[in-house]
Amino acid sequence: MAEADLSSPSLADDLFFVMHDSVTGRARVHPRLASLGLAGAVLGELMLADRVTIDLDSGQDRTYATVHDATGDPLTQSVLDHVIAEPQHPVITWLLFFARTIYADITARMIAANLLNPPVRHLLKQQPAVPVDPNTAAWPLARLNLAVQRRQPPALRDCVLYGLFAATRGAQRALWEHDHAFVAATIAMLPPPLQRLIVQTEVAVGEAVISRR
C-alpha cells in the first residue's frame, strides 16, 4: 500500500486545503467535522506509509501498528506512539481523541512547512491561516474535481482524500459535482483497511452532527 511517505505535502495537508478556501483560508466545513476528518487523514497517512492498519476484532474496527520505526514527523510520530501504547482502542475512539487537538496541530505543521501563513488578529478578531500559495492550495480540490468530471478514479491517496472529504460532508459544498455513486465506487477501490477508516470517520461525523442538534 505504500504509495506515500510521511513528507509534506501530506494527505492531511491536502484535506486541510480542500476544506478551506484557497485564497481566504475560510473554512468550508464545520471545525468539529473538519477535526474528525483531519484525525482520519493522519491515520490515513500512517496507513498509506504502511505504519498502521485497521482490522476487525471482536466486532470492532481497531487500529494496529505494523512498523514501530520513527516517522520523522512529530505529529505522525505522536499518533503512532499512542496507537502502539494502547492498541485495544477502536478506530472511532482514536478519531475522537485525536480530533481534540488535530486542527491546531495540522495548522502548526503546515505553517512550519511554509504552506500556510500564521493567522493574524485584525480588529479584535483572529483571521484564519491563509495559504502561502493559492495555486498549491487549490490543486488538491482541482484534482478531485477533474476525477469526478472525467469519471476516472484518482490515484490511491486521492481516493482516500475524496472519501474523507465526503465523510466530513464537505464534498457536496465544494465539488463542482457531488456524485454519490462515484464516491462509493471510488472508496470500493481502496484496500479494506482504508475503506474501514473512511466508514468510521463518516460514523464519527454523523454522531457529531446528531449531538449538535
Protein backbone atom coordinates (compact mmCIF):
# COMPACT_ATOMS: atom_id res chain seq x y z
CA MET A 1 0.00 0.00 0.00
CA ALA A 2 2.97 2.30 0.50
CA GLU A 3 2.20 4.93 -2.15
CA ALA A 4 3.03 7.81 0.17
CA ASP A 5 5.76 8.67 2.58
CA LEU A 6 5.40 10.94 5.58
CA SER A 7 6.83 14.05 3.93
CA SER A 8 4.96 17.25 3.09
CA PRO A 9 2.55 17.90 1.46
CA SER A 10 0.69 15.07 3.13
CA LEU A 11 -2.79 13.60 2.94
CA ALA A 12 -3.82 15.71 5.95
CA ASP A 13 -2.36 18.84 4.34
CA ASP A 14 -4.36 18.16 1.19
CA LEU A 15 -7.54 17.56 3.18
CA PHE A 16 -6.96 20.82 5.07
CA PHE A 17 -6.65 22.62 1.74
CA VAL A 18 -9.85 21.15 0.25
CA MET A 19 -11.76 22.03 3.43
CA HIS A 20 -10.71 25.70 3.18
CA ASP A 21 -10.88 28.41 0.55
CA SER A 22 -7.58 28.53 -1.34
CA VAL A 23 -7.37 32.35 -1.18
CA THR A 24 -9.07 33.48 2.03
CA GLY A 25 -8.50 30.37 4.16
CA ARG A 26 -12.17 30.45 5.13
CA ALA A 27 -13.49 27.07 6.30
CA ARG A 28 -15.92 25.12 4.11
CA VAL A 29 -16.57 22.54 6.83
CA HIS A 30 -17.61 23.00 10.47
CA PRO A 31 -14.48 22.88 12.67
CA ARG A 32 -15.69 19.86 14.64
CA LEU A 33 -16.31 17.85 11.49
CA ALA A 34 -13.08 19.11 9.94
CA SER A 35 -11.17 17.93 13.00
CA LEU A 36 -12.61 14.42 12.70
CA GLY A 37 -11.67 14.36 9.03
CA LEU A 38 -8.14 15.51 9.80
CA ALA A 39 -7.82 12.86 12.52
CA GLY A 40 -8.78 10.29 9.89
CA ALA A 41 -6.27 11.81 7.47
CA VAL A 42 -3.35 11.49 9.89
CA LEU A 43 -4.25 7.85 10.49
CA GLY A 44 -4.53 7.56 6.71
CA GLU A 45 -1.01 8.97 6.30
CA LEU A 46 0.31 6.23 8.56
CA MET A 47 -1.71 3.59 6.72
CA LEU A 48 -0.51 4.72 3.29
CA ALA A 49 3.05 4.55 4.61
CA ASP A 50 2.39 1.01 5.93
CA ARG A 51 2.92 2.04 9.56
CA VAL A 52 -0.54 1.08 10.84
CA THR A 53 -3.52 -0.92 9.66
CA ILE A 54 -7.16 -1.44 10.66
CA ASP A 55 -8.65 -4.84 11.27
CA LEU A 56 -11.92 -6.19 12.60
CA ASP A 57 -11.54 -7.55 16.13
CA SER A 58 -14.41 -8.66 18.38
CA GLY A 59 -16.88 -6.84 16.17
CA GLN A 60 -14.99 -3.52 16.19
CA ASP A 61 -12.54 -1.90 13.79
CA ARG A 62 -9.25 -1.48 15.65
CA THR A 63 -6.00 0.22 14.68
CA TYR A 64 -2.73 -1.67 14.98
CA ALA A 65 0.85 -0.57 14.40
CA THR A 66 2.65 -2.68 11.80
CA VAL A 67 6.01 -0.86 11.95
CA HIS A 68 7.47 0.85 15.02
CA ASP A 69 10.20 2.80 13.20
CA ALA A 70 10.35 6.58 13.66
CA THR A 71 8.24 8.53 11.17
CA GLY A 72 10.48 11.60 11.01
CA ASP A 73 7.44 13.81 11.63
CA PRO A 74 6.48 14.84 15.19
CA LEU A 75 2.72 14.75 14.57
CA THR A 76 2.50 11.32 12.94
CA GLN A 77 5.06 10.04 15.45
CA SER A 78 2.83 11.14 18.31
CA VAL A 79 -0.19 9.42 16.75
CA LEU A 80 1.80 6.26 16.08
CA ASP A 81 3.15 6.22 19.65
CA HIS A 82 -0.40 6.38 21.04
CA VAL A 83 -1.54 3.50 18.82
CA ILE A 84 1.48 1.41 19.81
CA ALA A 85 0.90 2.07 23.51
CA GLU A 86 -2.86 1.37 23.51
CA PRO A 87 -3.82 -0.94 20.63
CA GLN A 88 -7.02 -2.03 22.37
CA HIS A 89 -9.00 1.06 21.35
CA PRO A 90 -11.41 1.00 18.38
CA VAL A 91 -10.80 3.37 15.47
CA ILE A 92 -13.66 5.70 16.40
CA THR A 93 -12.12 6.23 19.86
CA TRP A 94 -8.86 7.32 18.24
CA LEU A 95 -10.70 9.64 15.87
CA LEU A 96 -12.45 11.37 18.76
CA PHE A 97 -9.25 11.52 20.81
CA PHE A 98 -7.01 12.96 18.09
CA ALA A 99 -9.74 15.34 16.87
CA ARG A 100 -9.43 17.32 20.11
CA THR A 101 -6.15 18.93 19.05
CA ILE A 102 -5.54 17.83 15.46
CA TYR A 103 -6.80 21.02 13.79
CA ALA A 104 -4.27 23.16 15.64
CA ASP A 105 -1.58 20.51 15.16
CA ILE A 106 -2.09 20.34 11.39
CA THR A 107 -2.22 24.12 11.13
CA ALA A 108 1.08 24.42 13.02
CA ARG A 109 2.69 21.73 10.86
CA MET A 110 1.60 23.47 7.67
CA ILE A 111 2.84 26.85 8.92
CA ALA A 112 6.20 25.27 9.72
CA ALA A 113 6.26 23.75 6.20
CA ASN A 114 5.55 27.21 4.69
CA LEU A 115 2.20 26.05 3.32
CA LEU A 116 0.15 28.44 5.48
CA ASN A 117 0.78 31.93 6.76
CA PRO A 118 0.26 32.29 10.52
CA PRO A 119 -3.21 33.57 11.47
CA VAL A 120 -3.33 37.25 12.36
CA ARG A 121 -5.59 39.23 14.67
CA HIS A 122 -7.46 42.07 12.94
CA LEU A 123 -9.90 44.39 14.70
CA LEU A 124 -10.09 42.12 17.75
CA LYS A 125 -10.91 39.10 15.58
CA GLN A 126 -8.41 36.42 14.59
CA GLN A 127 -8.30 35.79 10.88
CA PRO A 128 -7.77 32.23 9.59
CA ALA A 129 -4.42 30.94 8.42
CA VAL A 130 -4.15 31.85 4.72
CA PRO A 131 -2.36 29.64 2.17
CA VAL A 132 1.07 30.89 1.16
CA ASP A 133 0.43 29.88 -2.46
CA PRO A 134 -3.22 29.82 -3.61
CA ASN A 135 -2.33 27.60 -6.57
CA THR A 136 -0.81 24.98 -4.29
CA ALA A 137 -3.84 25.20 -2.02
CA ALA A 138 -6.30 24.87 -4.92
CA TRP A 139 -4.60 21.90 -6.57
CA PRO A 140 -5.94 19.06 -4.32
CA LEU A 141 -9.55 20.13 -4.87
CA ALA A 142 -8.88 20.61 -8.58
CA ARG A 143 -7.60 17.01 -8.80
CA LEU A 144 -10.79 15.73 -7.19
CA ASN A 145 -12.99 17.85 -9.46
CA LEU A 146 -11.18 16.58 -12.56
CA ALA A 147 -11.58 12.97 -11.42
CA VAL A 148 -15.32 13.41 -10.90
CA GLN A 149 -15.76 15.29 -14.16
CA ARG A 150 -13.91 12.63 -16.16
CA ARG A 151 -15.36 9.72 -14.16
CA GLN A 152 -11.82 8.45 -13.71
CA PRO A 153 -11.00 7.23 -10.19
CA PRO A 154 -7.97 9.14 -8.88
CA ALA A 155 -4.72 7.68 -7.55
CA LEU A 156 -4.81 5.77 -4.27
CA ARG A 157 -4.03 8.71 -1.98
CA ASP A 158 -6.60 10.91 -3.69
CA CYS A 159 -9.18 8.13 -3.35
CA VAL A 160 -8.63 8.36 0.41
CA LEU A 161 -8.73 12.16 0.23
CA TYR A 162 -12.02 12.01 -1.69
CA GLY A 163 -13.54 9.54 0.77
CA LEU A 164 -12.54 11.54 3.84
CA PHE A 165 -13.77 14.81 2.31
CA ALA A 166 -17.10 13.18 1.53
CA ALA A 167 -17.21 11.76 5.08
CA THR A 168 -16.92 15.29 6.54
CA ARG A 169 -19.88 16.31 4.34
CA GLY A 170 -17.77 18.91 2.62
CA ALA A 171 -17.79 17.36 -0.85
CA GLN A 172 -21.34 18.41 -1.64
CA ARG A 173 -20.43 22.04 -0.90
CA ALA A 174 -17.07 22.31 -2.62
CA LEU A 175 -17.01 19.95 -5.59
CA TRP A 176 -18.41 21.02 -8.94
CA GLU A 177 -20.49 17.86 -8.90
CA HIS A 178 -21.09 15.53 -5.96
CA ASP A 179 -21.88 12.08 -7.31
CA HIS A 180 -22.70 9.64 -4.50
CA ALA A 181 -22.34 6.65 -6.82
CA PHE A 182 -18.88 7.78 -7.92
CA VAL A 183 -17.84 8.32 -4.30
CA ALA A 184 -18.98 4.80 -3.41
CA ALA A 185 -17.21 3.30 -6.43
CA THR A 186 -14.02 5.19 -5.63
CA ILE A 187 -13.99 4.08 -1.99
CA ALA A 188 -14.70 0.49 -3.05
CA MET A 189 -11.41 0.50 -4.96
CA LEU A 190 -9.43 1.02 -1.76
CA PRO A 191 -7.92 -1.78 0.33
CA PRO A 192 -10.33 -2.85 3.10
CA PRO A 193 -8.41 -1.13 5.95
CA LEU A 194 -8.66 2.24 4.22
CA GLN A 195 -12.33 1.62 3.46
CA ARG A 196 -12.88 0.98 7.18
CA LEU A 197 -11.08 4.22 8.05
CA ILE A 198 -13.44 6.22 5.85
CA VAL A 199 -16.52 4.42 7.18
CA GLN A 200 -15.51 5.04 10.79
CA THR A 201 -14.78 8.70 10.02
CA GLU A 202 -18.24 9.02 8.50
CA VAL A 203 -19.76 7.39 11.59
CA ALA A 204 -17.91 9.80 13.89
CA VAL A 205 -19.05 12.77 11.80
CA GLY A 206 -22.64 11.53 11.84
CA GLU A 207 -22.59 11.22 15.62
CA ALA A 208 -21.09 14.71 15.91
CA VAL A 209 -23.85 16.17 13.73
CA ILE A 210 -26.55 14.46 15.79
CA SER A 211 -25.03 15.67 19.07
CA ARG A 212 -25.19 19.29 17.82
CA ARG A 213 -28.95 19.15 17.24
